[in-house]
Amino acid sequence: MSLTVLITRPQPSADEFADILRPQLPAGVRILTSPLMQIAEVETGPVEFGKYAGCLVTSSHAIGSLTRLGWPQDVMCFCVGEATTKRAKAAGLAARKCGDTAQELMQTVLRDTSKGPLFYPRGKHVSFDIAGALREAGRVVDEAVVYDQVETQLTAESLAVLESGQITVVPLFSARSAKLFFEQCPENTKLRIIAISKSVASLVPKTYVNSITVAPNPDAPSMADAVLIAASDAKRLEQGRGAQ
C-alpha cells in the first residue's frame, strides 16, 4: 500500500515545506499539496506609522502588506519564528525574533521593549488575540486586518487518497487548518497527524486517526522532522506486513 504526505498549508508555504521533505523521504512516499486556505490581501487605508514604537508580526503573510503600506525600515518588527524574521529582513525591514509563538512574543514585548504604541497587521482569523492580551497588560496596540485566509477545498486527488484507506501523514500547522481539514476529511481514514502544538492536537477527532504526534517545537523544521519520522515508521510497518 502506498504512503502519502498531505500538505495543506497555504501557498507558497506548502511548496516550501514539500521542498524540505522531498530529499529525505523514504523511497515510494509521495507528497501531495492541497492548501486549505488561500491568502488574499485586504486593502487598508493609510496608516500613520510615525507614532509606533514597533510592529508585531505573527505571520510572514503580513510582510508584503507592511512593505506596501510603507512601514519605516528603521522601526523594529517583533516577529514570531525564524522564518518570518528572515522574510522581514529580506524585505528590508528591521526585524527581531521574539519567540516561536504569539504567546512568547507577547512576553518578550512586555519584558524587553519600550512602552510606546505598537502596530499589529494580522489576518482575519487568529488563534490567539495578542493585541487584546497586550492591552489588558497596559500596552497600546492598534491592529489592522491586512490579509484574509480564505477557505478552499481539498483537491479531488487528495480526497481520493483519503478515501482509499492509504496511510496518510498530515501535518497541521494551525487550529484553523485542523478545523478546515476535518470538516472535509472523510471518515474511516488512516491518518498520522503531526500537530504543531498541543492545542492543535486537541482539535483532532480521535476516531479519524491512527496516531497523533506533537512537534517538539512549533516551527517548520521540527514539523518536518516529525513528518519524516512518521513516514519512515509507517513505511517500515508496511514493508514488515508485506514480508509476512
Protein backbone atom coordinates (compact mmCIF):
# COMPACT_ATOMS: atom_id res chain seq x y z
CA MET A 1 0.00 0.00 0.00
CA SER A 2 1.39 3.42 -0.93
CA LEU A 3 2.09 6.15 1.61
CA THR A 4 1.31 9.83 1.14
CA VAL A 5 2.26 13.03 2.94
CA LEU A 6 -0.57 15.54 2.50
CA ILE A 7 0.40 19.19 2.97
CA THR A 8 -2.48 21.61 3.48
CA ARG A 9 -0.56 24.86 4.14
CA PRO A 10 -1.32 27.94 2.03
CA GLN A 11 0.98 28.63 -0.89
CA PRO A 12 3.87 29.31 -1.17
CA SER A 13 4.40 27.71 2.26
CA ALA A 14 3.05 24.34 1.04
CA ASP A 15 5.65 24.05 -1.72
CA GLU A 16 8.41 25.31 0.58
CA PHE A 17 7.58 22.63 3.15
CA ALA A 18 7.43 19.98 0.45
CA ASP A 19 10.90 21.04 -0.70
CA ILE A 20 12.23 20.47 2.83
CA LEU A 21 10.73 16.97 2.97
CA ARG A 22 11.32 15.66 -0.53
CA PRO A 23 15.08 14.90 -0.39
CA GLN A 24 14.71 13.00 2.90
CA LEU A 25 11.53 10.97 2.47
CA PRO A 26 11.81 7.18 2.06
CA ALA A 27 11.55 5.87 -1.48
CA GLY A 28 7.97 5.38 -2.57
CA VAL A 29 6.49 8.04 -0.31
CA ARG A 30 4.76 10.72 -2.33
CA ILE A 31 3.83 14.29 -1.45
CA LEU A 32 0.51 15.91 -2.27
CA THR A 33 -0.19 19.60 -1.70
CA SER A 34 -3.77 20.67 -1.20
CA PRO A 35 -3.94 24.08 0.52
CA LEU A 36 -6.98 24.57 2.73
CA MET A 37 -6.58 28.34 2.69
CA GLN A 38 -5.68 30.94 0.12
CA ILE A 39 -4.07 34.13 1.37
CA ALA A 40 -5.82 37.20 0.00
CA GLU A 41 -4.54 40.69 0.68
CA VAL A 42 -7.08 43.02 2.29
CA GLU A 43 -6.99 46.65 1.26
CA THR A 44 -6.46 49.04 4.15
CA GLY A 45 -6.38 52.79 4.38
CA PRO A 46 -3.23 54.80 5.10
CA VAL A 47 -1.62 54.18 8.47
CA GLU A 48 0.22 56.83 10.49
CA PHE A 49 3.29 54.72 11.17
CA GLY A 50 5.31 57.52 12.75
CA LYS A 51 3.61 57.13 16.13
CA TYR A 52 4.54 53.47 16.63
CA ALA A 53 7.49 52.12 18.59
CA GLY A 54 7.30 48.75 16.88
CA CYS A 55 5.28 46.24 14.91
CA LEU A 56 4.03 42.78 15.89
CA VAL A 57 4.49 40.24 13.10
CA THR A 58 2.97 36.85 13.88
CA SER A 59 2.91 35.62 10.27
CA SER A 60 5.03 36.15 7.19
CA HIS A 61 1.79 36.79 5.28
CA ALA A 62 1.71 40.30 6.79
CA ILE A 63 5.12 41.33 5.48
CA GLY A 64 4.00 42.19 1.96
CA SER A 65 1.31 44.50 3.31
CA LEU A 66 3.78 46.17 5.66
CA THR A 67 6.17 46.98 2.84
CA ARG A 68 3.32 48.10 0.57
CA LEU A 69 1.97 50.43 3.25
CA GLY A 70 5.42 51.89 3.86
CA TRP A 71 6.42 50.63 7.29
CA PRO A 72 9.62 52.53 8.26
CA GLN A 73 12.67 50.35 7.74
CA ASP A 74 14.32 51.56 10.95
CA VAL A 75 11.38 50.74 13.27
CA MET A 76 11.58 47.25 14.71
CA CYS A 77 9.33 44.37 13.69
CA PHE A 78 8.93 41.93 16.59
CA CYS A 79 8.45 38.57 14.91
CA VAL A 80 7.26 35.06 15.67
CA GLY A 81 9.58 32.36 14.36
CA GLU A 82 12.85 32.22 12.48
CA ALA A 83 11.29 32.02 9.01
CA THR A 84 9.10 35.10 9.50
CA THR A 85 12.06 37.03 10.92
CA LYS A 86 14.22 36.14 7.91
CA ARG A 87 11.49 37.16 5.47
CA ALA A 88 11.05 40.50 7.21
CA LYS A 89 14.78 41.15 6.99
CA ALA A 90 14.83 40.07 3.34
CA ALA A 91 12.11 42.67 2.70
CA GLY A 92 14.40 45.35 4.10
CA LEU A 93 12.74 45.66 7.49
CA ALA A 94 14.41 45.79 10.89
CA ALA A 95 13.34 42.51 12.49
CA ARG A 96 13.92 40.57 15.68
CA LYS A 97 12.79 37.07 16.55
CA CYS A 98 10.84 37.20 19.82
CA GLY A 99 9.82 33.58 20.29
CA ASP A 100 8.19 30.77 18.37
CA THR A 101 4.58 31.51 19.35
CA ALA A 102 2.41 34.59 19.73
CA GLN A 103 2.34 33.97 23.48
CA GLU A 104 6.14 34.04 23.62
CA LEU A 105 6.15 37.21 21.51
CA MET A 106 3.79 38.86 23.97
CA GLN A 107 6.01 38.01 26.94
CA THR A 108 9.09 39.34 25.15
CA VAL A 109 7.33 42.58 24.25
CA LEU A 110 6.17 43.09 27.83
CA ARG A 111 9.62 42.35 29.22
CA ASP A 112 12.09 43.82 26.76
CA THR A 113 10.60 46.66 24.73
CA SER A 114 9.75 50.30 25.24
CA LYS A 115 6.25 51.29 26.34
CA GLY A 116 5.41 53.04 23.08
CA PRO A 117 2.37 52.19 20.93
CA LEU A 118 2.54 49.09 18.77
CA PHE A 119 1.01 48.21 15.41
CA TYR A 120 -0.31 44.72 14.66
CA PRO A 121 -1.03 43.80 11.00
CA ARG A 122 -2.88 40.50 11.11
CA GLY A 123 -5.01 38.00 9.29
CA LYS A 124 -8.79 37.93 9.55
CA HIS A 125 -8.55 34.71 11.59
CA VAL A 126 -6.22 34.47 14.60
CA SER A 127 -5.89 31.71 17.17
CA PHE A 128 -4.57 33.99 19.92
CA ASP A 129 -5.67 37.59 20.49
CA ILE A 130 -2.25 39.05 21.19
CA ALA A 131 -3.47 42.62 20.74
CA GLY A 132 -6.21 42.16 23.33
CA ALA A 133 -3.84 40.41 25.74
CA LEU A 134 -1.30 43.23 25.46
CA ARG A 135 -3.98 45.86 26.01
CA GLU A 136 -5.05 44.05 29.17
CA ALA A 137 -1.42 44.28 30.29
CA GLY A 138 -1.47 48.04 29.77
CA ARG A 139 0.09 48.40 26.32
CA VAL A 140 -1.34 50.47 23.47
CA VAL A 141 -1.83 48.30 20.37
CA ASP A 142 -3.54 49.28 17.13
CA GLU A 143 -4.40 46.45 14.78
CA ALA A 144 -5.45 46.16 11.16
CA VAL A 145 -6.61 43.16 9.13
CA VAL A 146 -4.26 43.15 6.14
CA TYR A 147 -4.94 39.67 4.75
CA ASP A 148 -7.65 37.03 4.80
CA GLN A 149 -7.24 33.26 4.98
CA VAL A 150 -9.94 32.25 2.50
CA GLU A 151 -11.14 28.65 2.85
CA THR A 152 -10.52 26.35 -0.09
CA GLN A 153 -11.48 22.75 -0.80
CA LEU A 154 -9.31 19.66 -0.72
CA THR A 155 -8.41 18.56 -4.23
CA ALA A 156 -10.14 15.57 -5.79
CA GLU A 157 -6.82 13.71 -5.77
CA SER A 158 -6.35 14.32 -2.05
CA LEU A 159 -9.88 13.20 -1.25
CA ALA A 160 -9.36 10.05 -3.31
CA VAL A 161 -6.24 9.21 -1.31
CA LEU A 162 -8.02 9.78 1.99
CA GLU A 163 -10.99 7.68 0.91
CA SER A 164 -8.78 4.84 -0.35
CA GLY A 165 -7.58 3.80 3.08
CA GLN A 166 -3.94 4.57 2.28
CA ILE A 167 -1.81 5.64 5.21
CA THR A 168 -1.58 9.44 5.03
CA VAL A 169 0.71 11.65 7.11
CA VAL A 170 -0.91 15.06 7.60
CA PRO A 171 0.99 17.95 9.22
CA LEU A 172 -1.34 20.56 10.74
CA PHE A 173 0.22 23.98 11.32
CA SER A 174 -2.68 25.85 12.91
CA ALA A 175 -6.00 25.48 14.67
CA ARG A 176 -7.80 26.79 11.60
CA SER A 177 -6.07 24.23 9.38
CA ALA A 178 -7.19 21.45 11.73
CA LYS A 179 -10.76 22.71 11.76
CA LEU A 180 -10.98 23.05 7.97
CA PHE A 181 -9.29 19.71 7.34
CA PHE A 182 -11.63 17.65 9.49
CA GLU A 183 -14.67 19.43 8.11
CA GLN A 184 -13.73 17.96 4.71
CA CYS A 185 -11.93 14.75 5.64
CA PRO A 186 -13.92 11.55 5.01
CA GLU A 187 -14.39 9.09 7.84
CA ASN A 188 -12.56 5.76 8.21
CA THR A 189 -9.22 7.24 7.15
CA LYS A 190 -5.75 6.06 8.16
CA LEU A 191 -4.15 9.29 9.31
CA ARG A 192 -0.92 10.01 11.09
CA ILE A 193 -1.35 13.57 12.29
CA ILE A 194 1.62 15.82 13.05
CA ALA A 195 0.40 18.80 15.10
CA ILE A 196 2.40 21.97 15.62
CA SER A 197 1.19 22.31 19.22
CA LYS A 198 -0.80 20.56 21.92
CA SER A 199 -3.68 22.97 21.35
CA VAL A 200 -3.86 21.97 17.68
CA ALA A 201 -3.60 18.28 18.63
CA SER A 202 -6.57 18.72 20.97
CA LEU A 203 -8.75 19.62 17.98
CA VAL A 204 -8.12 16.32 16.18
CA PRO A 205 -11.08 13.89 16.33
CA LYS A 206 -9.55 10.68 17.65
CA THR A 207 -11.84 8.48 15.55
CA TYR A 208 -10.16 9.71 12.37
CA VAL A 209 -6.55 8.94 13.17
CA ASN A 210 -4.06 6.15 13.77
CA SER A 211 -1.67 8.38 15.69
CA ILE A 212 -1.08 11.99 16.75
CA THR A 213 2.39 13.45 17.25
CA VAL A 214 3.07 16.94 18.61
CA ALA A 215 6.20 18.54 17.16
CA PRO A 216 8.84 19.28 19.81
CA ASN A 217 8.98 22.91 18.73
CA PRO A 218 6.33 24.99 16.93
CA ASP A 219 8.31 25.60 13.75
CA ALA A 220 8.69 24.18 10.26
CA PRO A 221 12.00 22.32 10.87
CA SER A 222 10.54 20.48 13.88
CA MET A 223 7.38 19.71 11.94
CA ALA A 224 9.48 18.36 9.07
CA ASP A 225 11.48 16.13 11.41
CA ALA A 226 8.27 14.73 12.92
CA VAL A 227 6.77 14.10 9.48
CA LEU A 228 9.89 12.26 8.34
CA ILE A 229 9.88 10.05 11.44
CA ALA A 230 6.17 9.25 10.99
CA ALA A 231 6.62 8.49 7.29
CA SER A 232 9.65 6.25 7.93
CA ASP A 233 7.86 4.36 10.70
CA ALA A 234 4.76 3.84 8.56
CA LYS A 235 6.91 2.69 5.63
CA ARG A 236 8.72 0.13 7.81
CA LEU A 237 5.41 -1.12 9.17
CA GLU A 238 4.01 -1.64 5.67
CA GLN A 239 7.18 -3.37 4.50
CA GLY A 240 7.03 -5.67 7.52
CA ARG A 241 3.47 -6.62 6.75
CA GLY A 242 4.39 -7.28 3.12
CA ALA A 243 7.17 -9.62 4.17
CA GLN A 244 4.85 -11.81 6.25
